[in-house]
């Protein structure tokens, strides 16, 4: 239990570093636009393959939709 505290601090520092390094990638509008684009890609794949498939098939289908 005593090891948990330092591990949480290391995790916090890692998350803060990750957030700091990616802060310059764009604002909220750009993030929303990117998420919307990915959302539409997923819907295209689902509409083309409604019965689904394996994870490898899904990745291949998603790459084909770009």
C-alpha atoms as a PDB file:
ATOM      1  CA  UNK A   1       0.000   0.000   0.000  1.00  0.00           C
ATOM      2  CA  UNK A   2       2.925   2.345   0.655  1.00  0.00           C
ATOM      3  CA  UNK A   3       4.122   1.896  -2.931  1.00  0.00           C
ATOM      4  CA  UNK A   4       0.813   3.113  -4.357  1.00  0.00           C
ATOM      5  CA  UNK A   5       1.392   6.786  -3.495  1.00  0.00           C
ATOM      6  CA  UNK A   6       4.662   7.244  -5.396  1.00  0.00           C
ATOM      7  CA  UNK A   7       3.274   5.258  -8.328  1.00  0.00           C
ATOM      8  CA  UNK A   8       0.291   7.617  -8.529  1.00  0.00           C
ATOM      9  CA  UNK A   9       2.617  10.628  -8.524  1.00  0.00           C
ATOM     10  CA  UNK A  10       4.634   9.111 -11.371  1.00  0.00           C
ATOM     11  CA  UNK A  11       1.422   8.489 -13.290  1.00  0.00           C
ATOM     12  CA  UNK A  12       0.292  12.085 -12.661  1.00  0.00           C
ATOM     13  CA  UNK A  13       3.608  13.455 -13.923  1.00  0.00           C
ATOM     14  CA  UNK A  14       3.403  11.244 -17.015  1.00  0.00           C
ATOM     15  CA  UNK A  15      -0.137  12.437 -17.781  1.00  0.00           C
ATOM     16  CA  UNK A  16       0.818  16.082 -17.302  1.00  0.00           C
ATOM     17  CA  UNK A  17       3.827  15.640 -19.580  1.00  0.00           C
ATOM     18  CA  UNK A  18       1.635  13.986 -22.216  1.00  0.00           C
ATOM     19  CA  UNK A  19      -0.903  16.811 -22.024  1.00  0.00           C
ATOM     20  CA  UNK A  20       1.837  19.454 -22.157  1.00  0.00           C
ATOM     21  CA  UNK A  21       3.491  18.002 -25.255  1.00  0.00           C
ATOM     22  CA  UNK A  22       0.195  17.804 -27.185  1.00  0.00           C
ATOM     23  CA  UNK A  23      -1.190  21.177 -26.146  1.00  0.00           C
ATOM     24  CA  UNK A  24      -0.017  22.836 -29.359  1.00  0.00           C
ATOM     25  CA  UNK A  25      -1.807  20.481 -31.728  1.00  0.00           C
ATOM     26  CA  UNK A  26      -4.827  22.752 -32.080  1.00  0.00           C
ATOM     27  CA  UNK A  27      -7.718  24.233 -30.264  1.00  0.00           C
ATOM     28  CA  UNK A  28     -11.071  22.854 -29.298  1.00  0.00           C
ATOM     29  CA  UNK A  29     -12.573  23.527 -32.733  1.00  0.00           C
ATOM     30  CA  UNK A  30      -9.873  21.465 -34.421  1.00  0.00           C
ATOM     31  CA  UNK A  31     -10.331  18.674 -31.906  1.00  0.00           C
ATOM     32  CA  UNK A  32     -14.097  18.607 -32.497  1.00  0.00           C
ATOM     33  CA  UNK A  33     -13.618  18.602 -36.288  1.00  0.00           C
ATOM     34  CA  UNK A  34     -11.189  15.685 -36.049  1.00  0.00           C
ATOM     35  CA  UNK A  35     -13.552  13.728 -33.788  1.00  0.00           C
ATOM     36  CA  UNK A  36     -16.470  14.408 -36.157  1.00  0.00           C
ATOM     37  CA  UNK A  37     -14.443  13.126 -39.101  1.00  0.00           C
ATOM     38  CA  UNK A  38     -13.574   9.914 -37.237  1.00  0.00           C
ATOM     39  CA  UNK A  39     -17.199   9.539 -36.148  1.00  0.00           C
ATOM     40  CA  UNK A  40     -18.388   9.634 -39.768  1.00  0.00           C
ATOM     41  CA  UNK A  41     -15.698   7.127 -40.808  1.00  0.00           C
ATOM     42  CA  UNK A  42     -16.918   4.673 -38.187  1.00  0.00           C
ATOM     43  CA  UNK A  43     -20.528   5.102 -39.292  1.00  0.00           C
ATOM     44  CA  UNK A  44     -19.555   4.406 -42.926  1.00  0.00           C
ATOM     45  CA  UNK A  45     -17.818   1.184 -41.910  1.00  0.00           C
ATOM     46  CA  UNK A  46     -20.790   0.089 -39.806  1.00  0.00           C
ATOM     47  CA  UNK A  47     -23.240   0.823 -42.621  1.00  0.00           C
ATOM     48  CA  UNK A  48     -21.135  -1.148 -45.123  1.00  0.00           C
ATOM     49  CA  UNK A  49     -20.589  -4.088 -42.759  1.00  0.00           C
ATOM     50  CA  UNK A  50     -23.624  -4.239 -40.438  1.00  0.00           C
ATOM     51  CA  UNK A  51     -22.915  -7.793 -39.296  1.00  0.00           C
ATOM     52  CA  UNK A  52     -19.438  -6.867 -38.092  1.00  0.00           C
ATOM     53  CA  UNK A  53     -16.306  -8.925 -38.230  1.00  0.00           C
ATOM     54  CA  UNK A  54     -12.997  -9.480 -36.503  1.00  0.00           C
ATOM     55  CA  UNK A  55     -10.852  -6.659 -35.169  1.00  0.00           C
ATOM     56  CA  UNK A  56      -8.397  -7.115 -38.058  1.00  0.00           C
ATOM     57  CA  UNK A  57     -11.241  -6.866 -40.583  1.00  0.00           C
ATOM     58  CA  UNK A  58     -12.592  -3.770 -38.874  1.00  0.00           C
ATOM     59  CA  UNK A  59      -9.176  -2.080 -39.011  1.00  0.00           C
ATOM     60  CA  UNK A  60      -8.820  -2.957 -42.701  1.00  0.00           C
ATOM     61  CA  UNK A  61     -12.305  -1.614 -43.459  1.00  0.00           C
ATOM     62  CA  UNK A  62     -11.599   1.572 -41.513  1.00  0.00           C
ATOM     63  CA  UNK A  63      -8.356   2.122 -43.451  1.00  0.00           C
ATOM     64  CA  UNK A  64     -10.237   1.685 -46.732  1.00  0.00           C
ATOM     65  CA  UNK A  65     -12.802   4.366 -45.836  1.00  0.00           C
ATOM     66  CA  UNK A  66     -10.368   7.261 -45.278  1.00  0.00           C
END
